[in-house]
Amino acid sequence: MELKNQMEIYVLENIDSVLEKYPDCCKCEHCRQDIAVIALNHLPPRYVATQQGCVFAKIDAMTMETKIEIVEQIAKAVEIVSKNPHHG
């Protein structure tokens, strides 16, 4: 297994549900990536290198506190990107 940041997966899994609450936000791929990057820069990384590490990271991500933190950071990122889109 290669080294990866599980937090990326969690942000990408939750971005659509957060974006649904912001109908005026651009949802083009560039804006979605900007939202993900901003959110990830404000969330602690969850790097794993083994299948066992992946399981432990998933268990941690299932806590209500972690889920709330992920959604909050995505929402903050949506607000930032909505005010300053860089897609052209």
PDB file of N, CA and C in Angstrom:
ATOM      1  N   MET A   1       0.855  -1.188   0.000  1.00  0.00           N
ATOM      2  CA  MET A   1       0.000   0.000   0.000  1.00  0.00           C
ATOM      3  C   MET A   1       0.890   1.238   0.000  1.00  0.00           C
ATOM      4  N   GLU A   2       0.526   2.201  -0.792  1.00  0.00           N
ATOM      5  CA  GLU A   2       1.303   3.428  -0.832  1.00  0.00           C
ATOM      6  C   GLU A   2       0.823   4.415   0.228  1.00  0.00           C
ATOM      7  N   LEU A   3       1.651   5.368   0.530  1.00  0.00           N
ATOM      8  CA  LEU A   3       1.342   6.396   1.517  1.00  0.00           C
ATOM      9  C   LEU A   3       0.214   7.282   0.993  1.00  0.00           C
ATOM     10  N   LYS A   4      -0.826   7.497   1.830  1.00  0.00           N
ATOM     11  CA  LYS A   4      -1.884   8.405   1.408  1.00  0.00           C
ATOM     12  C   LYS A   4      -2.531   9.075   2.613  1.00  0.00           C
ATOM     13  N   ASN A   5      -3.101  10.243   2.342  1.00  0.00           N
ATOM     14  CA  ASN A   5      -3.775  11.030   3.367  1.00  0.00           C
ATOM     15  C   ASN A   5      -5.262  10.691   3.313  1.00  0.00           C
ATOM     16  N   GLN A   6      -5.736   9.937   4.274  1.00  0.00           N
ATOM     17  CA  GLN A   6      -7.134   9.531   4.317  1.00  0.00           C
ATOM     18  C   GLN A   6      -8.066  10.732   4.419  1.00  0.00           C
ATOM     19  N   MET A   7      -7.585  11.843   4.952  1.00  0.00           N
ATOM     20  CA  MET A   7      -8.434  13.024   5.093  1.00  0.00           C
ATOM     21  C   MET A   7      -8.906  13.508   3.717  1.00  0.00           C
ATOM     22  N   GLU A   8      -8.090  13.316   2.678  1.00  0.00           N
ATOM     23  CA  GLU A   8      -8.511  13.680   1.322  1.00  0.00           C
ATOM     24  C   GLU A   8      -9.783  12.934   0.942  1.00  0.00           C
ATOM     25  N   ILE A   9      -9.813  11.657   1.238  1.00  0.00           N
ATOM     26  CA  ILE A   9     -10.977  10.833   0.923  1.00  0.00           C
ATOM     27  C   ILE A   9     -12.198  11.335   1.679  1.00  0.00           C
ATOM     28  N   TYR A  10     -12.028  11.637   2.954  1.00  0.00           N
ATOM     29  CA  TYR A  10     -13.152  12.093   3.776  1.00  0.00           C
ATOM     30  C   TYR A  10     -13.703  13.426   3.276  1.00  0.00           C
ATOM     31  N   VAL A  11     -12.821  14.335   2.888  1.00  0.00           N
ATOM     32  CA  VAL A  11     -13.278  15.628   2.369  1.00  0.00           C
ATOM     33  C   VAL A  11     -14.030  15.418   1.055  1.00  0.00           C
ATOM     34  N   LEU A  12     -13.483  14.620   0.161  1.00  0.00           N
ATOM     35  CA  LEU A  12     -14.132  14.391  -1.128  1.00  0.00           C
ATOM     36  C   LEU A  12     -15.459  13.647  -0.977  1.00  0.00           C
ATOM     37  N   GLU A  13     -15.560  12.785   0.023  1.00  0.00           N
ATOM     38  CA  GLU A  13     -16.816  12.077   0.278  1.00  0.00           C
ATOM     39  C   GLU A  13     -17.907  13.005   0.803  1.00  0.00           C
ATOM     40  N   ASN A  14     -17.525  14.097   1.427  1.00  0.00           N
ATOM     41  CA  ASN A  14     -18.496  15.003   2.058  1.00  0.00           C
ATOM     42  C   ASN A  14     -18.746  16.294   1.289  1.00  0.00           C
ATOM     43  N   ILE A  15     -17.955  16.573   0.289  1.00  0.00           N
ATOM     44  CA  ILE A  15     -18.041  17.874  -0.388  1.00  0.00           C
ATOM     45  C   ILE A  15     -19.387  18.075  -1.073  1.00  0.00           C
ATOM     46  N   ASP A  16     -19.949  17.037  -1.689  1.00  0.00           N
ATOM     47  CA  ASP A  16     -21.219  17.193  -2.397  1.00  0.00           C
ATOM     48  C   ASP A  16     -22.363  17.532  -1.448  1.00  0.00           C
ATOM     49  N   SER A  17     -22.409  16.872  -0.300  1.00  0.00           N
ATOM     50  CA  SER A  17     -23.505  17.140   0.639  1.00  0.00           C
ATOM     51  C   SER A  17     -23.423  18.559   1.194  1.00  0.00           C
ATOM     52  N   VAL A  18     -22.218  19.081   1.365  1.00  0.00           N
ATOM     53  CA  VAL A  18     -22.074  20.466   1.839  1.00  0.00           C
ATOM     54  C   VAL A  18     -22.447  21.434   0.717  1.00  0.00           C
ATOM     55  N   LEU A  19     -21.999  21.151  -0.504  1.00  0.00           N
ATOM     56  CA  LEU A  19     -22.299  22.038  -1.628  1.00  0.00           C
ATOM     57  C   LEU A  19     -23.799  22.140  -1.901  1.00  0.00           C
ATOM     58  N   GLU A  20     -24.563  21.108  -1.583  1.00  0.00           N
ATOM     59  CA  GLU A  20     -26.013  21.153  -1.772  1.00  0.00           C
ATOM     60  C   GLU A  20     -26.647  22.291  -0.978  1.00  0.00           C
ATOM     61  N   LYS A  21     -26.025  22.665   0.119  1.00  0.00           N
ATOM     62  CA  LYS A  21     -26.556  23.724   0.975  1.00  0.00           C
ATOM     63  C   LYS A  21     -26.188  25.122   0.471  1.00  0.00           C
ATOM     64  N   TYR A  22     -25.398  25.172  -0.607  1.00  0.00           N
ATOM     65  CA  TYR A  22     -24.946  26.450  -1.179  1.00  0.00           C
ATOM     66  C   TYR A  22     -25.296  26.478  -2.673  1.00  0.00           C
ATOM     67  N   PRO A  23     -26.557  26.710  -3.003  1.00  0.00           N
ATOM     68  CA  PRO A  23     -26.969  26.649  -4.409  1.00  0.00           C
ATOM     69  C   PRO A  23     -26.310  27.702  -5.304  1.00  0.00           C
ATOM     70  N   ASP A  24     -25.845  28.805  -4.732  1.00  0.00           N
ATOM     71  CA  ASP A  24     -25.225  29.855  -5.539  1.00  0.00           C
ATOM     72  C   ASP A  24     -23.732  29.654  -5.745  1.00  0.00           C
ATOM     73  N   CYS A  25     -23.162  28.670  -5.095  1.00  0.00           N
ATOM     74  CA  CYS A  25     -21.728  28.412  -5.232  1.00  0.00           C
ATOM     75  C   CYS A  25     -21.449  27.676  -6.542  1.00  0.00           C
ATOM     76  N   CYS A  26     -20.417  28.100  -7.235  1.00  0.00           N
ATOM     77  CA  CYS A  26     -20.003  27.414  -8.458  1.00  0.00           C
ATOM     78  C   CYS A  26     -19.540  26.002  -8.090  1.00  0.00           C
ATOM     79  N   LYS A  27     -19.942  25.040  -8.890  1.00  0.00           N
ATOM     80  CA  LYS A  27     -19.593  23.645  -8.620  1.00  0.00           C
ATOM     81  C   LYS A  27     -18.712  23.052  -9.711  1.00  0.00           C
ATOM     82  N   CYS A  28     -18.037  23.936 -10.471  1.00  0.00           N
ATOM     83  CA  CYS A  28     -17.131  23.435 -11.504  1.00  0.00           C
ATOM     84  C   CYS A  28     -15.960  22.703 -10.833  1.00  0.00           C
ATOM     85  N   GLU A  29     -15.259  21.918 -11.599  1.00  0.00           N
ATOM     86  CA  GLU A  29     -14.179  21.101 -11.042  1.00  0.00           C
ATOM     87  C   GLU A  29     -13.087  21.953 -10.393  1.00  0.00           C
ATOM     88  N   HIS A  30     -12.783  23.094 -10.996  1.00  0.00           N
ATOM     89  CA  HIS A  30     -11.737  23.961 -10.432  1.00  0.00           C
ATOM     90  C   HIS A  30     -12.163  24.487  -9.058  1.00  0.00           C
ATOM     91  N   CYS A  31     -13.392  24.938  -8.934  1.00  0.00           N
ATOM     92  CA  CYS A  31     -13.877  25.453  -7.643  1.00  0.00           C
ATOM     93  C   CYS A  31     -13.960  24.332  -6.612  1.00  0.00           C
ATOM     94  N   ARG A  32     -14.395  23.144  -7.036  1.00  0.00           N
ATOM     95  CA  ARG A  32     -14.457  22.004  -6.122  1.00  0.00           C
ATOM     96  C   ARG A  32     -13.063  21.664  -5.592  1.00  0.00           C
ATOM     97  N   GLN A  33     -12.075  21.702  -6.470  1.00  0.00           N
ATOM     98  CA  GLN A  33     -10.704  21.433  -6.029  1.00  0.00           C
ATOM     99  C   GLN A  33     -10.215  22.514  -5.083  1.00  0.00           C
ATOM    100  N   ASP A  34     -10.523  23.765  -5.375  1.00  0.00           N
ATOM    101  CA  ASP A  34     -10.132  24.851  -4.474  1.00  0.00           C
ATOM    102  C   ASP A  34     -10.759  24.660  -3.095  1.00  0.00           C
ATOM    103  N   ILE A  35     -12.029  24.276  -3.062  1.00  0.00           N
ATOM    104  CA  ILE A  35     -12.719  24.030  -1.797  1.00  0.00           C
ATOM    105  C   ILE A  35     -12.031  22.904  -1.031  1.00  0.00           C
ATOM    106  N   ALA A  36     -11.738  21.820  -1.727  1.00  0.00           N
ATOM    107  CA  ALA A  36     -11.079  20.677  -1.084  1.00  0.00           C
ATOM    108  C   ALA A  36      -9.710  21.068  -0.538  1.00  0.00           C
ATOM    109  N   VAL A  37      -8.940  21.807  -1.313  1.00  0.00           N
ATOM    110  CA  VAL A  37      -7.591  22.209  -0.884  1.00  0.00           C
ATOM    111  C   VAL A  37      -7.649  23.100   0.350  1.00  0.00           C
ATOM    112  N   ILE A  38      -8.546  24.072   0.339  1.00  0.00           N
ATOM    113  CA  ILE A  38      -8.665  24.971   1.492  1.00  0.00           C
ATOM    114  C   ILE A  38      -9.087  24.191   2.728  1.00  0.00           C
ATOM    115  N   ALA A  39     -10.075  23.324   2.581  1.00  0.00           N
ATOM    116  CA  ALA A  39     -10.528  22.519   3.724  1.00  0.00           C
ATOM    117  C   ALA A  39      -9.395  21.636   4.241  1.00  0.00           C
ATOM    118  N   LEU A  40      -8.689  20.967   3.338  1.00  0.00           N
ATOM    119  CA  LEU A  40      -7.596  20.075   3.746  1.00  0.00           C
ATOM    120  C   LEU A  40      -6.465  20.824   4.443  1.00  0.00           C
ATOM    121  N   ASN A  41      -6.224  22.045   4.035  1.00  0.00           N
ATOM    122  CA  ASN A  41      -5.174  22.832   4.683  1.00  0.00           C
ATOM    123  C   ASN A  41      -5.546  23.240   6.104  1.00  0.00           C
ATOM    124  N   HIS A  42      -6.827  23.105   6.454  1.00  0.00           N
ATOM    125  CA  HIS A  42      -7.273  23.448   7.806  1.00  0.00           C
ATOM    126  C   HIS A  42      -7.662  22.225   8.627  1.00  0.00           C
ATOM    127  N   LEU A  43      -7.441  21.053   8.084  1.00  0.00           N
ATOM    128  CA  LEU A  43      -7.747  19.807   8.794  1.00  0.00           C
ATOM    129  C   LEU A  43      -6.453  19.046   9.068  1.00  0.00           C
ATOM    130  N   PRO A  44      -6.412  18.308  10.152  1.00  0.00           N
ATOM    131  CA  PRO A  44      -5.200  17.519  10.428  1.00  0.00           C
ATOM    132  C   PRO A  44      -5.089  16.369   9.441  1.00  0.00           C
ATOM    133  N   PRO A  45      -3.906  16.116   8.919  1.00  0.00           N
ATOM    134  CA  PRO A  45      -3.747  14.996   7.989  1.00  0.00           C
ATOM    135  C   PRO A  45      -3.911  13.661   8.709  1.00  0.00           C
ATOM    136  N   ARG A  46      -4.346  12.658   7.971  1.00  0.00           N
ATOM    137  CA  ARG A  46      -4.486  11.295   8.494  1.00  0.00           C
ATOM    138  C   ARG A  46      -3.768  10.363   7.523  1.00  0.00           C
ATOM    139  N   TYR A  47      -2.438  10.404   7.567  1.00  0.00           N
ATOM    140  CA  TYR A  47      -1.637   9.589   6.650  1.00  0.00           C
ATOM    141  C   TYR A  47      -1.613   8.141   7.094  1.00  0.00           C
ATOM    142  N   VAL A  48      -1.733   7.260   6.129  1.00  0.00           N
ATOM    143  CA  VAL A  48      -1.660   5.829   6.386  1.00  0.00           C
ATOM    144  C   VAL A  48      -0.743   5.194   5.350  1.00  0.00           C
ATOM    145  N   ALA A  49      -0.131   4.077   5.757  1.00  0.00           N
ATOM    146  CA  ALA A  49       0.750   3.346   4.837  1.00  0.00           C
ATOM    147  C   ALA A  49       0.427   1.861   4.822  1.00  0.00           C
ATOM    148  N   THR A  50      -0.496   1.447   5.679  1.00  0.00           N
ATOM    149  CA  THR A  50      -0.878   0.037   5.740  1.00  0.00           C
ATOM    150  C   THR A  50      -2.394  -0.078   5.771  1.00  0.00           C
ATOM    151  N   GLN A  51      -2.877  -1.262   5.477  1.00  0.00           N
ATOM    152  CA  GLN A  51      -4.312  -1.500   5.545  1.00  0.00           C
ATOM    153  C   GLN A  51      -4.826  -1.318   6.973  1.00  0.00           C
ATOM    154  N   GLN A  52      -4.022  -1.743   7.955  1.00  0.00           N
ATOM    155  CA  GLN A  52      -4.401  -1.580   9.356  1.00  0.00           C
ATOM    156  C   GLN A  52      -4.515  -0.093   9.712  1.00  0.00           C
ATOM    157  N   GLY A  53      -3.569   0.706   9.227  1.00  0.00           N
ATOM    158  CA  GLY A  53      -3.621   2.150   9.456  1.00  0.00           C
ATOM    159  C   GLY A  53      -4.858   2.767   8.834  1.00  0.00           C
ATOM    160  N   CYS A  54      -5.256   2.254   7.687  1.00  0.00           N
ATOM    161  CA  CYS A  54      -6.454   2.731   7.005  1.00  0.00           C
ATOM    162  C   CYS A  54      -7.686   2.456   7.860  1.00  0.00           C
ATOM    163  N   VAL A  55      -7.744   1.291   8.470  1.00  0.00           N
ATOM    164  CA  VAL A  55      -8.873   0.932   9.328  1.00  0.00           C
ATOM    165  C   VAL A  55      -8.928   1.860  10.536  1.00  0.00           C
ATOM    166  N   PHE A  56      -7.777   2.097  11.170  1.00  0.00           N
ATOM    167  CA  PHE A  56      -7.749   2.984  12.336  1.00  0.00           C
ATOM    168  C   PHE A  56      -8.154   4.405  11.961  1.00  0.00           C
ATOM    169  N   ALA A  57      -7.713   4.878  10.804  1.00  0.00           N
ATOM    170  CA  ALA A  57      -8.077   6.223  10.357  1.00  0.00           C
ATOM    171  C   ALA A  57      -9.579   6.311  10.102  1.00  0.00           C
ATOM    172  N   LYS A  58     -10.163   5.260   9.535  1.00  0.00           N
ATOM    173  CA  LYS A  58     -11.610   5.251   9.278  1.00  0.00           C
ATOM    174  C   LYS A  58     -12.394   5.271  10.584  1.00  0.00           C
ATOM    175  N   ILE A  59     -11.920   4.540  11.567  1.00  0.00           N
ATOM    176  CA  ILE A  59     -12.588   4.535  12.869  1.00  0.00           C
ATOM    177  C   ILE A  59     -12.557   5.942  13.469  1.00  0.00           C
ATOM    178  N   ASP A  60     -11.400   6.602  13.368  1.00  0.00           N
ATOM    179  CA  ASP A  60     -11.271   7.967  13.888  1.00  0.00           C
ATOM    180  C   ASP A  60     -12.201   8.918  13.146  1.00  0.00           C
ATOM    181  N   ALA A  61     -12.334   8.725  11.843  1.00  0.00           N
ATOM    182  CA  ALA A  61     -13.170   9.617  11.038  1.00  0.00           C
ATOM    183  C   ALA A  61     -14.651   9.419  11.317  1.00  0.00           C
ATOM    184  N   MET A  62     -15.005   8.321  11.945  1.00  0.00           N
ATOM    185  CA  MET A  62     -16.404   8.043  12.232  1.00  0.00           C
ATOM    186  C   MET A  62     -16.893   8.742  13.499  1.00  0.00           C
ATOM    187  N   THR A  63     -15.994   9.346  14.260  1.00  0.00           N
ATOM    188  CA  THR A  63     -16.439  10.037  15.465  1.00  0.00           C
ATOM    189  C   THR A  63     -17.211  11.292  15.061  1.00  0.00           C
ATOM    190  N   MET A  64     -18.189  11.645  15.849  1.00  0.00           N
ATOM    191  CA  MET A  64     -19.015  12.810  15.547  1.00  0.00           C
ATOM    192  C   MET A  64     -18.176  14.080  15.495  1.00  0.00           C
ATOM    193  N   GLU A  65     -17.198  14.170  16.385  1.00  0.00           N
ATOM    194  CA  GLU A  65     -16.333  15.348  16.428  1.00  0.00           C
ATOM    195  C   GLU A  65     -15.566  15.521  15.107  1.00  0.00           C
ATOM    196  N   THR A  66     -15.029  14.434  14.596  1.00  0.00           N
ATOM    197  CA  THR A  66     -14.272  14.496  13.343  1.00  0.00           C
ATOM    198  C   THR A  66     -15.188  14.820  12.174  1.00  0.00           C
ATOM    199  N   LYS A  67     -16.356  14.203  12.119  1.00  0.00           N
ATOM    200  CA  LYS A  67     -17.307  14.479  11.044  1.00  0.00           C
ATOM    201  C   LYS A  67     -17.710  15.951  11.034  1.00  0.00           C
ATOM    202  N   ILE A  68     -17.982  16.488  12.214  1.00  0.00           N
ATOM    203  CA  ILE A  68     -18.368  17.902  12.324  1.00  0.00           C
ATOM    204  C   ILE A  68     -17.227  18.799  11.863  1.00  0.00           C
ATOM    205  N   GLU A  69     -16.022  18.481  12.280  1.00  0.00           N
ATOM    206  CA  GLU A  69     -14.860  19.288  11.888  1.00  0.00           C
ATOM    207  C   GLU A  69     -14.682  19.289  10.374  1.00  0.00           C
ATOM    208  N   ILE A  70     -14.849  18.150   9.745  1.00  0.00           N
ATOM    209  CA  ILE A  70     -14.699  18.050   8.290  1.00  0.00           C
ATOM    210  C   ILE A  70     -15.756  18.909   7.594  1.00  0.00           C
ATOM    211  N   VAL A  71     -17.006  18.771   7.999  1.00  0.00           N
ATOM    212  CA  VAL A  71     -18.091  19.530   7.381  1.00  0.00           C
ATOM    213  C   VAL A  71     -17.910  21.029   7.620  1.00  0.00           C
ATOM    214  N   GLU A  72     -17.503  21.418   8.812  1.00  0.00           N
ATOM    215  CA  GLU A  72     -17.271  22.838   9.100  1.00  0.00           C
ATOM    216  C   GLU A  72     -16.186  23.421   8.205  1.00  0.00           C
ATOM    217  N   GLN A  73     -15.098  22.693   8.044  1.00  0.00           N
ATOM    218  CA  GLN A  73     -14.000  23.203   7.220  1.00  0.00           C
ATOM    219  C   GLN A  73     -14.384  23.273   5.749  1.00  0.00           C
ATOM    220  N   ILE A  74     -15.170  22.315   5.279  1.00  0.00           N
ATOM    221  CA  ILE A  74     -15.649  22.376   3.895  1.00  0.00           C
ATOM    222  C   ILE A  74     -16.563  23.584   3.729  1.00  0.00           C
ATOM    223  N   ALA A  75     -17.458  23.812   4.685  1.00  0.00           N
ATOM    224  CA  ALA A  75     -18.379  24.958   4.614  1.00  0.00           C
ATOM    225  C   ALA A  75     -17.607  26.278   4.607  1.00  0.00           C
ATOM    226  N   LYS A  76     -16.602  26.389   5.441  1.00  0.00           N
ATOM    227  CA  LYS A  76     -15.773  27.605   5.448  1.00  0.00           C
ATOM    228  C   LYS A  76     -15.076  27.786   4.109  1.00  0.00           C
ATOM    229  N   ALA A  77     -14.598  26.700   3.542  1.00  0.00           N
ATOM    230  CA  ALA A  77     -13.925  26.764   2.245  1.00  0.00           C
ATOM    231  C   ALA A  77     -14.896  27.171   1.143  1.00  0.00           C
ATOM    232  N   VAL A  78     -16.128  26.684   1.210  1.00  0.00           N
ATOM    233  CA  VAL A  78     -17.148  27.072   0.232  1.00  0.00           C
ATOM    234  C   VAL A  78     -17.385  28.573   0.297  1.00  0.00           C
ATOM    235  N   GLU A  79     -17.479  29.107   1.492  1.00  0.00           N
ATOM    236  CA  GLU A  79     -17.676  30.547   1.658  1.00  0.00           C
ATOM    237  C   GLU A  79     -16.523  31.334   1.019  1.00  0.00           C
ATOM    238  N   ILE A  80     -15.315  30.883   1.252  1.00  0.00           N
ATOM    239  CA  ILE A  80     -14.139  31.570   0.696  1.00  0.00           C
ATOM    240  C   ILE A  80     -14.139  31.513  -0.826  1.00  0.00           C
ATOM    241  N   VAL A  81     -14.352  30.327  -1.375  1.00  0.00           N
ATOM    242  CA  VAL A  81     -14.317  30.165  -2.832  1.00  0.00           C
ATOM    243  C   VAL A  81     -15.495  30.893  -3.485  1.00  0.00           C
ATOM    244  N   SER A  82     -16.644  30.907  -2.839  1.00  0.00           N
ATOM    245  CA  SER A  82     -17.807  31.620  -3.399  1.00  0.00           C
ATOM    246  C   SER A  82     -17.525  33.106  -3.562  1.00  0.00           C
ATOM    247  N   LYS A  83     -16.784  33.660  -2.620  1.00  0.00           N
ATOM    248  CA  LYS A  83     -16.467  35.091  -2.677  1.00  0.00           C
ATOM    249  C   LYS A  83     -15.298  35.392  -3.621  1.00  0.00           C
ATOM    250  N   ASN A  84     -14.447  34.386  -3.882  1.00  0.00           N
ATOM    251  CA  ASN A  84     -13.242  34.596  -4.689  1.00  0.00           C
ATOM    252  C   ASN A  84     -12.997  33.448  -5.653  1.00  0.00           C
ATOM    253  N   PRO A  85     -13.911  33.173  -6.582  1.00  0.00           N
ATOM    254  CA  PRO A  85     -13.671  32.056  -7.504  1.00  0.00           C
ATOM    255  C   PRO A  85     -12.494  32.342  -8.422  1.00  0.00           C
ATOM    256  N   HIS A  86     -11.704  31.314  -8.718  1.00  0.00           N
ATOM    257  CA  HIS A  86     -10.519  31.474  -9.573  1.00  0.00           C
ATOM    258  C   HIS A  86     -10.632  30.716 -10.882  1.00  0.00           C
ATOM    259  N   HIS A  87     -11.829  30.342 -11.249  1.00  0.00           N
ATOM    260  CA  HIS A  87     -11.984  29.530 -12.448  1.00  0.00           C
ATOM    261  C   HIS A  87     -12.031  30.329 -13.739  1.00  0.00           C
ATOM    262  N   GLY A  88     -11.828  31.604 -13.676  1.00  0.00           N
ATOM    263  CA  GLY A  88     -11.763  32.370 -14.911  1.00  0.00           C
ATOM    264  C   GLY A  88     -12.768  33.450 -14.911  1.00  0.00           C
TER     265      GLY A  88
END
